[in-house]
Amino acid sequence: MRYPAIEFVALHGRKLAVAVGALAALLAALHVTLSGFGPVATVIAGMVSGAAGWALARVGAEIVELIAETLMPH
């Protein structure tokens, strides 16, 4: 039995985690900037949300990799 979504995330999950982190950082920085806060708040919000987004996406990718190792034959 094949699981295309699991195969895709197992192969590209780490790169996707970086993209998710970058997107989270950009969106948070844009939101804080448009809310009228200063540049320091913008940088802090971008860094924190980028790191959190990357970490959560990376954990998800690791879990999918673990599932792929147990479900799929080599």
C-alpha atoms as a PDB file:
ATOM      1  CA  MET A   1       0.000   0.000   0.000  1.00  0.00           C
ATOM      2  CA  ARG A   2       1.314   3.426  -0.951  1.00  0.00           C
ATOM      3  CA  TYR A   3       0.851   6.670   0.922  1.00  0.00           C
ATOM      4  CA  PRO A   4       1.747   9.535  -1.433  1.00  0.00           C
ATOM      5  CA  ALA A   5       1.280  12.305   1.137  1.00  0.00           C
ATOM      6  CA  ILE A   6       3.506  10.544   3.653  1.00  0.00           C
ATOM      7  CA  GLU A   7       6.130   9.887   0.979  1.00  0.00           C
ATOM      8  CA  PHE A   8       6.079  13.547  -0.050  1.00  0.00           C
ATOM      9  CA  VAL A   9       6.441  14.883   3.492  1.00  0.00           C
ATOM     10  CA  ALA A  10       9.090  12.285   4.339  1.00  0.00           C
ATOM     11  CA  LEU A  11      11.141  13.399   1.332  1.00  0.00           C
ATOM     12  CA  HIS A  12      10.577  17.162   1.519  1.00  0.00           C
ATOM     13  CA  GLY A  13       9.449  17.813   5.098  1.00  0.00           C
ATOM     14  CA  ARG A  14      12.636  19.471   6.310  1.00  0.00           C
ATOM     15  CA  LYS A  15      12.663  21.914   3.392  1.00  0.00           C
ATOM     16  CA  LEU A  16       8.976  22.603   3.928  1.00  0.00           C
ATOM     17  CA  ALA A  17       9.672  23.329   7.607  1.00  0.00           C
ATOM     18  CA  VAL A  18      12.135  26.045   6.615  1.00  0.00           C
ATOM     19  CA  ALA A  19       9.568  27.510   4.225  1.00  0.00           C
ATOM     20  CA  VAL A  20       6.869  27.452   6.921  1.00  0.00           C
ATOM     21  CA  GLY A  21       9.201  29.197   9.370  1.00  0.00           C
ATOM     22  CA  ALA A  22      10.095  31.877   6.837  1.00  0.00           C
ATOM     23  CA  LEU A  23       6.450  32.428   5.952  1.00  0.00           C
ATOM     24  CA  ALA A  24       5.486  32.701   9.622  1.00  0.00           C
ATOM     25  CA  ALA A  25       8.259  35.250  10.185  1.00  0.00           C
ATOM     26  CA  LEU A  26       7.196  37.342   7.198  1.00  0.00           C
ATOM     27  CA  LEU A  27       3.525  37.300   8.137  1.00  0.00           C
ATOM     28  CA  ALA A  28       4.217  38.201  11.759  1.00  0.00           C
ATOM     29  CA  ALA A  29       6.559  41.025  10.788  1.00  0.00           C
ATOM     30  CA  LEU A  30       4.002  42.350   8.320  1.00  0.00           C
ATOM     31  CA  HIS A  31       1.221  42.203  10.894  1.00  0.00           C
ATOM     32  CA  VAL A  32       3.266  43.969  13.567  1.00  0.00           C
ATOM     33  CA  THR A  33       4.416  46.620  11.100  1.00  0.00           C
ATOM     34  CA  LEU A  34       0.880  47.313   9.902  1.00  0.00           C
ATOM     35  CA  SER A  35      -0.311  47.469  13.516  1.00  0.00           C
ATOM     36  CA  GLY A  36       1.915  50.499  14.072  1.00  0.00           C
ATOM     37  CA  PHE A  37       4.602  49.069  16.313  1.00  0.00           C
ATOM     38  CA  GLY A  38       8.243  50.007  15.892  1.00  0.00           C
ATOM     39  CA  PRO A  39      11.028  48.178  14.105  1.00  0.00           C
ATOM     40  CA  VAL A  40      12.270  46.432  17.253  1.00  0.00           C
ATOM     41  CA  ALA A  41       8.869  44.827  17.834  1.00  0.00           C
ATOM     42  CA  THR A  42       8.751  43.848  14.166  1.00  0.00           C
ATOM     43  CA  VAL A  43      12.113  42.081  14.337  1.00  0.00           C
ATOM     44  CA  ILE A  44      11.272  40.342  17.608  1.00  0.00           C
ATOM     45  CA  ALA A  45       7.876  39.161  16.344  1.00  0.00           C
ATOM     46  CA  GLY A  46       9.416  37.892  13.118  1.00  0.00           C
ATOM     47  CA  MET A  47      12.205  36.024  14.879  1.00  0.00           C
ATOM     48  CA  VAL A  48       9.981  34.440  17.516  1.00  0.00           C
ATOM     49  CA  SER A  49       7.228  33.383  15.150  1.00  0.00           C
ATOM     50  CA  GLY A  50       9.716  32.172  12.540  1.00  0.00           C
ATOM     51  CA  ALA A  51      11.523  30.007  15.070  1.00  0.00           C
ATOM     52  CA  ALA A  52       8.255  28.669  16.476  1.00  0.00           C
ATOM     53  CA  GLY A  53       6.828  27.968  13.025  1.00  0.00           C
ATOM     54  CA  TRP A  54       9.990  26.177  11.937  1.00  0.00           C
ATOM     55  CA  ALA A  55      10.135  24.122  15.132  1.00  0.00           C
ATOM     56  CA  LEU A  56       6.514  23.009  14.914  1.00  0.00           C
ATOM     57  CA  ALA A  57       6.792  22.151  11.232  1.00  0.00           C
ATOM     58  CA  ARG A  58      10.040  20.281  11.854  1.00  0.00           C
ATOM     59  CA  VAL A  59       8.435  18.221  14.638  1.00  0.00           C
ATOM     60  CA  GLY A  60       5.579  17.387  12.291  1.00  0.00           C
ATOM     61  CA  ALA A  61       8.023  16.350   9.568  1.00  0.00           C
ATOM     62  CA  GLU A  62       9.947  14.165  12.015  1.00  0.00           C
ATOM     63  CA  ILE A  63       6.736  12.441  13.106  1.00  0.00           C
ATOM     64  CA  VAL A  64       5.804  11.769   9.484  1.00  0.00           C
ATOM     65  CA  GLU A  65       9.310  10.415   8.821  1.00  0.00           C
ATOM     66  CA  LEU A  66       8.907   8.062  11.778  1.00  0.00           C
ATOM     67  CA  ILE A  67       5.521   6.920  10.497  1.00  0.00           C
ATOM     68  CA  ALA A  68       6.986   6.403   7.032  1.00  0.00           C
ATOM     69  CA  GLU A  69       9.750   4.207   8.440  1.00  0.00           C
ATOM     70  CA  THR A  70       7.248   1.991  10.241  1.00  0.00           C
ATOM     71  CA  LEU A  71       4.536   1.818   7.551  1.00  0.00           C
ATOM     72  CA  MET A  72       6.427   1.655   4.313  1.00  0.00           C
ATOM     73  CA  PRO A  73       8.669  -1.163   3.132  1.00  0.00           C
ATOM     74  CA  HIS A  74      12.193  -0.265   2.129  1.00  0.00           C
END
